[in-house]
Amino acid sequence: MASSSHIKPGEKGKINTKVDTEGRGGYLHKPIAVHSNDPQRPIVHLYITAILR
């Protein structure tokens, strides 16, 4: 698994992120935009989804 901002084709990587949920409740749906140099998919959107209680 690659752990840098440069990942070669076929390699895997890891994306760490944080969401501040303090004082929030209900449904949470947050997008993350991942930019690449792939001309067919220059931006891939990932989503964090949760139900906060």
N, C-alpha and C. Protein backbone atom coordinates (compact mmCIF):
# COMPACT_ATOMS: atom_id res chain seq x y z
N MET A 1 0.85 -1.19 0.00
CA MET A 1 0.00 0.00 0.00
C MET A 1 0.89 1.24 0.00
N ALA A 2 0.60 2.13 -0.88
CA ALA A 2 1.35 3.39 -0.95
C ALA A 2 0.83 4.35 0.11
N SER A 3 1.73 5.12 0.66
CA SER A 3 1.35 6.08 1.70
C SER A 3 1.85 7.47 1.37
N SER A 4 1.77 7.85 0.12
CA SER A 4 2.22 9.18 -0.26
C SER A 4 1.17 9.82 -1.16
N SER A 5 1.46 11.02 -1.61
CA SER A 5 0.52 11.70 -2.49
C SER A 5 0.69 11.25 -3.94
N HIS A 6 1.69 10.40 -4.21
CA HIS A 6 1.93 9.89 -5.56
C HIS A 6 1.74 8.37 -5.53
N ILE A 7 0.70 7.91 -6.19
CA ILE A 7 0.39 6.49 -6.23
C ILE A 7 0.41 6.05 -7.69
N LYS A 8 1.17 5.02 -7.98
CA LYS A 8 1.30 4.51 -9.34
C LYS A 8 0.06 3.68 -9.71
N PRO A 9 -0.22 3.56 -11.01
CA PRO A 9 -1.36 2.74 -11.44
C PRO A 9 -1.26 1.33 -10.86
N GLY A 10 -2.36 0.86 -10.32
CA GLY A 10 -2.42 -0.47 -9.72
C GLY A 10 -2.06 -0.52 -8.25
N GLU A 11 -1.45 0.54 -7.73
CA GLU A 11 -1.12 0.59 -6.30
C GLU A 11 -2.35 1.00 -5.50
N LYS A 12 -2.30 0.75 -4.23
CA LYS A 12 -3.36 1.16 -3.31
C LYS A 12 -2.84 2.23 -2.39
N GLY A 13 -3.74 3.03 -1.86
CA GLY A 13 -3.37 4.08 -0.93
C GLY A 13 -4.38 4.18 0.19
N LYS A 14 -4.13 5.07 1.09
CA LYS A 14 -4.99 5.27 2.24
C LYS A 14 -5.28 6.76 2.38
N ILE A 15 -6.52 7.10 2.66
CA ILE A 15 -6.92 8.49 2.86
C ILE A 15 -7.44 8.62 4.29
N ASN A 16 -6.80 9.47 5.07
CA ASN A 16 -7.24 9.74 6.43
C ASN A 16 -8.03 11.05 6.45
N THR A 17 -9.12 11.06 7.16
CA THR A 17 -9.94 12.27 7.27
C THR A 17 -10.61 12.31 8.64
N LYS A 18 -11.05 13.48 9.03
CA LYS A 18 -11.77 13.67 10.29
C LYS A 18 -13.03 14.46 10.02
N VAL A 19 -14.07 14.16 10.78
CA VAL A 19 -15.31 14.93 10.73
C VAL A 19 -15.66 15.31 12.16
N ASP A 20 -15.81 16.60 12.40
CA ASP A 20 -16.18 17.09 13.74
C ASP A 20 -17.68 16.91 13.91
N THR A 21 -18.07 16.00 14.79
CA THR A 21 -19.49 15.73 15.02
C THR A 21 -20.01 16.32 16.32
N GLU A 22 -19.19 17.10 16.99
CA GLU A 22 -19.60 17.67 18.27
C GLU A 22 -20.83 18.56 18.11
N GLY A 23 -21.84 18.30 18.93
CA GLY A 23 -23.05 19.10 18.91
C GLY A 23 -23.99 18.79 17.75
N ARG A 24 -23.70 17.74 17.01
CA ARG A 24 -24.53 17.40 15.86
C ARG A 24 -25.32 16.14 16.14
N GLY A 25 -26.41 16.01 15.48
CA GLY A 25 -27.22 14.80 15.57
C GLY A 25 -27.92 14.58 14.25
N GLY A 26 -28.44 13.38 14.07
CA GLY A 26 -29.16 13.09 12.84
C GLY A 26 -28.27 12.49 11.78
N TYR A 27 -28.65 12.72 10.55
CA TYR A 27 -28.00 12.12 9.39
C TYR A 27 -26.83 12.99 8.93
N LEU A 28 -25.69 12.38 8.67
CA LEU A 28 -24.50 13.08 8.21
C LEU A 28 -24.07 12.50 6.87
N HIS A 29 -23.84 13.35 5.89
CA HIS A 29 -23.38 12.92 4.56
C HIS A 29 -22.37 13.95 4.08
N LYS A 30 -21.08 13.61 4.14
CA LYS A 30 -20.02 14.56 3.80
C LYS A 30 -19.22 14.06 2.60
N PRO A 31 -19.01 14.91 1.60
CA PRO A 31 -18.22 14.50 0.44
C PRO A 31 -16.72 14.75 0.64
N ILE A 32 -15.91 13.93 -0.01
CA ILE A 32 -14.47 14.12 -0.07
C ILE A 32 -14.10 14.05 -1.55
N ALA A 33 -13.43 15.05 -2.07
CA ALA A 33 -13.00 15.06 -3.47
C ALA A 33 -11.55 14.61 -3.54
N VAL A 34 -11.30 13.56 -4.31
CA VAL A 34 -9.95 13.05 -4.52
C VAL A 34 -9.55 13.40 -5.95
N HIS A 35 -8.48 14.18 -6.08
CA HIS A 35 -8.01 14.64 -7.39
C HIS A 35 -6.92 13.70 -7.92
N SER A 36 -6.97 13.43 -9.23
CA SER A 36 -5.95 12.58 -9.83
C SER A 36 -5.57 13.12 -11.19
N ASN A 37 -4.55 12.51 -11.79
CA ASN A 37 -4.14 12.90 -13.13
C ASN A 37 -4.75 11.98 -14.19
N ASP A 38 -5.73 11.18 -13.83
CA ASP A 38 -6.44 10.30 -14.76
C ASP A 38 -7.35 11.17 -15.62
N PRO A 39 -7.11 11.24 -16.93
CA PRO A 39 -7.93 12.12 -17.77
C PRO A 39 -9.40 11.71 -17.85
N GLN A 40 -9.70 10.43 -17.61
CA GLN A 40 -11.08 9.98 -17.65
C GLN A 40 -11.81 10.21 -16.32
N ARG A 41 -11.08 10.29 -15.22
CA ARG A 41 -11.68 10.54 -13.90
C ARG A 41 -10.77 11.45 -13.09
N PRO A 42 -10.70 12.73 -13.45
CA PRO A 42 -9.78 13.64 -12.74
C PRO A 42 -10.18 13.90 -11.30
N ILE A 43 -11.46 13.74 -10.96
CA ILE A 43 -11.93 13.90 -9.59
C ILE A 43 -12.86 12.73 -9.27
N VAL A 44 -12.61 12.08 -8.15
CA VAL A 44 -13.46 11.01 -7.66
C VAL A 44 -14.05 11.48 -6.33
N HIS A 45 -15.34 11.35 -6.17
CA HIS A 45 -15.99 11.77 -4.93
C HIS A 45 -16.25 10.56 -4.04
N LEU A 46 -15.77 10.65 -2.81
CA LEU A 46 -16.04 9.66 -1.78
C LEU A 46 -16.95 10.31 -0.77
N TYR A 47 -17.73 9.52 -0.05
CA TYR A 47 -18.67 10.08 0.92
C TYR A 47 -18.56 9.38 2.26
N ILE A 48 -18.65 10.17 3.32
CA ILE A 48 -18.77 9.65 4.68
C ILE A 48 -20.22 9.80 5.06
N THR A 49 -20.85 8.71 5.44
CA THR A 49 -22.26 8.73 5.82
C THR A 49 -22.41 8.11 7.20
N ALA A 50 -23.18 8.76 8.07
CA ALA A 50 -23.38 8.26 9.42
C ALA A 50 -24.71 8.76 9.97
N ILE A 51 -25.20 8.06 10.96
CA ILE A 51 -26.36 8.51 11.74
C ILE A 51 -25.83 8.82 13.14
N LEU A 52 -25.92 10.09 13.54
CA LEU A 52 -25.38 10.53 14.82
C LEU A 52 -26.50 10.57 15.85
N ARG A 53 -26.18 10.10 17.03
CA ARG A 53 -27.18 10.08 18.12
C ARG A 53 -26.70 10.88 19.29
